[in-house]
């Protein structure tokens, strides 16, 4: 089981679902003992596919989240060099 942290986002991943489940519970208990709270609405507990840092991760694959793609597509097309630089 691997733990990845980026600022306040944590990701536990592994090939064995039961091992990931046990380590997830251990991590949640540890965070609780340290006085840290976990957002229940953001918690993705032992899922086949998860949203992490704006991407969809699943079994070794990484895809852009459809919400993020839609947000990019809804932007107006840049018309000047300055607008292109701002977009990038």
C-alpha atoms as a PDB file:
ATOM      1  CA  UNK A   1       0.000   0.000   0.000  1.00  0.00           C
ATOM      2  CA  UNK A   2       1.347   3.414  -1.004  1.00  0.00           C
ATOM      3  CA  UNK A   3       0.496   6.759   0.605  1.00  0.00           C
ATOM      4  CA  UNK A   4       0.775   9.910  -1.534  1.00  0.00           C
ATOM      5  CA  UNK A   5       0.377  13.364   0.009  1.00  0.00           C
ATOM      6  CA  UNK A   6      -0.011  16.719  -1.715  1.00  0.00           C
ATOM      7  CA  UNK A   7      -0.588  19.550   0.771  1.00  0.00           C
ATOM      8  CA  UNK A   8      -3.794  18.377   2.525  1.00  0.00           C
ATOM      9  CA  UNK A   9      -4.819  15.735  -0.028  1.00  0.00           C
ATOM     10  CA  UNK A  10      -3.983  12.108   0.795  1.00  0.00           C
ATOM     11  CA  UNK A  11      -4.177   9.087  -1.500  1.00  0.00           C
ATOM     12  CA  UNK A  12      -3.768   5.466  -0.388  1.00  0.00           C
ATOM     13  CA  UNK A  13      -3.382   2.979  -3.238  1.00  0.00           C
ATOM     14  CA  UNK A  14      -2.521  -0.670  -3.614  1.00  0.00           C
ATOM     15  CA  UNK A  15      -3.255  -3.860  -5.485  1.00  0.00           C
ATOM     16  CA  UNK A  16      -5.020  -5.657  -2.627  1.00  0.00           C
ATOM     17  CA  UNK A  17      -8.385  -4.162  -1.671  1.00  0.00           C
ATOM     18  CA  UNK A  18      -8.363  -5.640   1.842  1.00  0.00           C
ATOM     19  CA  UNK A  19      -4.879  -4.248   2.565  1.00  0.00           C
ATOM     20  CA  UNK A  20      -5.939  -0.803   1.331  1.00  0.00           C
ATOM     21  CA  UNK A  21      -9.065  -0.988   3.515  1.00  0.00           C
ATOM     22  CA  UNK A  22      -7.035  -1.881   6.645  1.00  0.00           C
ATOM     23  CA  UNK A  23      -4.424   0.822   6.016  1.00  0.00           C
ATOM     24  CA  UNK A  24      -7.155   3.384   5.318  1.00  0.00           C
ATOM     25  CA  UNK A  25      -8.754   2.642   8.683  1.00  0.00           C
ATOM     26  CA  UNK A  26      -5.355   2.832  10.404  1.00  0.00           C
ATOM     27  CA  UNK A  27      -4.663   6.193   8.727  1.00  0.00           C
ATOM     28  CA  UNK A  28      -8.076   7.605   9.684  1.00  0.00           C
ATOM     29  CA  UNK A  29      -7.576   6.473  13.291  1.00  0.00           C
ATOM     30  CA  UNK A  30      -4.079   8.004  13.369  1.00  0.00           C
ATOM     31  CA  UNK A  31      -5.325  11.328  11.999  1.00  0.00           C
ATOM     32  CA  UNK A  32      -8.109  11.339  14.590  1.00  0.00           C
ATOM     33  CA  UNK A  33      -5.641  10.687  17.424  1.00  0.00           C
ATOM     34  CA  UNK A  34      -3.590  13.643  16.185  1.00  0.00           C
ATOM     35  CA  UNK A  35      -6.671  15.871  16.399  1.00  0.00           C
ATOM     36  CA  UNK A  36      -7.059  16.165  12.623  1.00  0.00           C
ATOM     37  CA  UNK A  37     -10.436  15.980  10.927  1.00  0.00           C
ATOM     38  CA  UNK A  38     -11.290  14.344   7.611  1.00  0.00           C
ATOM     39  CA  UNK A  39     -14.056  15.735   5.417  1.00  0.00           C
ATOM     40  CA  UNK A  40     -16.688  13.015   5.017  1.00  0.00           C
ATOM     41  CA  UNK A  41     -17.957  14.662   1.830  1.00  0.00           C
ATOM     42  CA  UNK A  42     -14.489  14.441   0.227  1.00  0.00           C
ATOM     43  CA  UNK A  43     -13.623  10.962   1.514  1.00  0.00           C
ATOM     44  CA  UNK A  44     -13.428   8.302  -1.217  1.00  0.00           C
ATOM     45  CA  UNK A  45     -13.098   5.086   0.763  1.00  0.00           C
ATOM     46  CA  UNK A  46     -11.610   2.091  -1.112  1.00  0.00           C
ATOM     47  CA  UNK A  47     -12.901   2.940  -4.589  1.00  0.00           C
ATOM     48  CA  UNK A  48     -11.940   1.495  -8.004  1.00  0.00           C
ATOM     49  CA  UNK A  49     -11.689   5.046  -9.404  1.00  0.00           C
ATOM     50  CA  UNK A  50     -10.960   8.216  -7.438  1.00  0.00           C
ATOM     51  CA  UNK A  51     -10.771  11.931  -8.115  1.00  0.00           C
ATOM     52  CA  UNK A  52      -7.366  13.260  -7.015  1.00  0.00           C
ATOM     53  CA  UNK A  53      -5.964  16.714  -7.805  1.00  0.00           C
ATOM     54  CA  UNK A  54      -8.396  17.233 -10.683  1.00  0.00           C
ATOM     55  CA  UNK A  55      -7.713  13.883 -12.343  1.00  0.00           C
ATOM     56  CA  UNK A  56      -9.526  10.539 -12.365  1.00  0.00           C
ATOM     57  CA  UNK A  57      -7.200   7.717 -11.268  1.00  0.00           C
ATOM     58  CA  UNK A  58      -8.045   4.061 -11.869  1.00  0.00           C
ATOM     59  CA  UNK A  59      -5.836   0.944 -12.015  1.00  0.00           C
ATOM     60  CA  UNK A  60      -2.723   2.673 -13.340  1.00  0.00           C
ATOM     61  CA  UNK A  61      -4.558   5.116 -15.611  1.00  0.00           C
ATOM     62  CA  UNK A  62      -4.945   8.867 -15.253  1.00  0.00           C
ATOM     63  CA  UNK A  63      -7.674  10.851 -17.046  1.00  0.00           C
ATOM     64  CA  UNK A  64      -8.767  14.458 -16.821  1.00  0.00           C
ATOM     65  CA  UNK A  65     -11.908  14.852 -14.756  1.00  0.00           C
ATOM     66  CA  UNK A  66     -14.872  15.513 -17.113  1.00  0.00           C
ATOM     67  CA  UNK A  67     -15.855  18.542 -14.988  1.00  0.00           C
ATOM     68  CA  UNK A  68     -12.394  20.023 -15.579  1.00  0.00           C
ATOM     69  CA  UNK A  69     -12.604  19.354 -19.331  1.00  0.00           C
ATOM     70  CA  UNK A  70     -16.036  21.013 -19.472  1.00  0.00           C
ATOM     71  CA  UNK A  71     -14.655  24.039 -17.627  1.00  0.00           C
ATOM     72  CA  UNK A  72     -11.867  24.410 -20.195  1.00  0.00           C
ATOM     73  CA  UNK A  73     -14.250  23.955 -23.131  1.00  0.00           C
ATOM     74  CA  UNK A  74     -16.608  26.613 -21.761  1.00  0.00           C
ATOM     75  CA  UNK A  75     -13.892  29.296 -21.820  1.00  0.00           C
ATOM     76  CA  UNK A  76     -14.244  31.839 -24.620  1.00  0.00           C
ATOM     77  CA  UNK A  77     -11.704  31.442 -27.433  1.00  0.00           C
ATOM     78  CA  UNK A  78      -8.808  33.906 -27.073  1.00  0.00           C
ATOM     79  CA  UNK A  79      -8.678  36.599 -29.768  1.00  0.00           C
ATOM     80  CA  UNK A  80      -5.453  38.441 -28.973  1.00  0.00           C
ATOM     81  CA  UNK A  81      -1.880  37.452 -28.137  1.00  0.00           C
ATOM     82  CA  UNK A  82      -2.413  38.774 -24.624  1.00  0.00           C
ATOM     83  CA  UNK A  83      -5.510  36.592 -24.123  1.00  0.00           C
ATOM     84  CA  UNK A  84      -3.584  33.539 -25.376  1.00  0.00           C
ATOM     85  CA  UNK A  85      -0.815  34.205 -22.835  1.00  0.00           C
ATOM     86  CA  UNK A  86      -3.413  34.623 -20.073  1.00  0.00           C
ATOM     87  CA  UNK A  87      -5.033  31.313 -21.001  1.00  0.00           C
ATOM     88  CA  UNK A  88      -1.738  29.442 -20.914  1.00  0.00           C
END
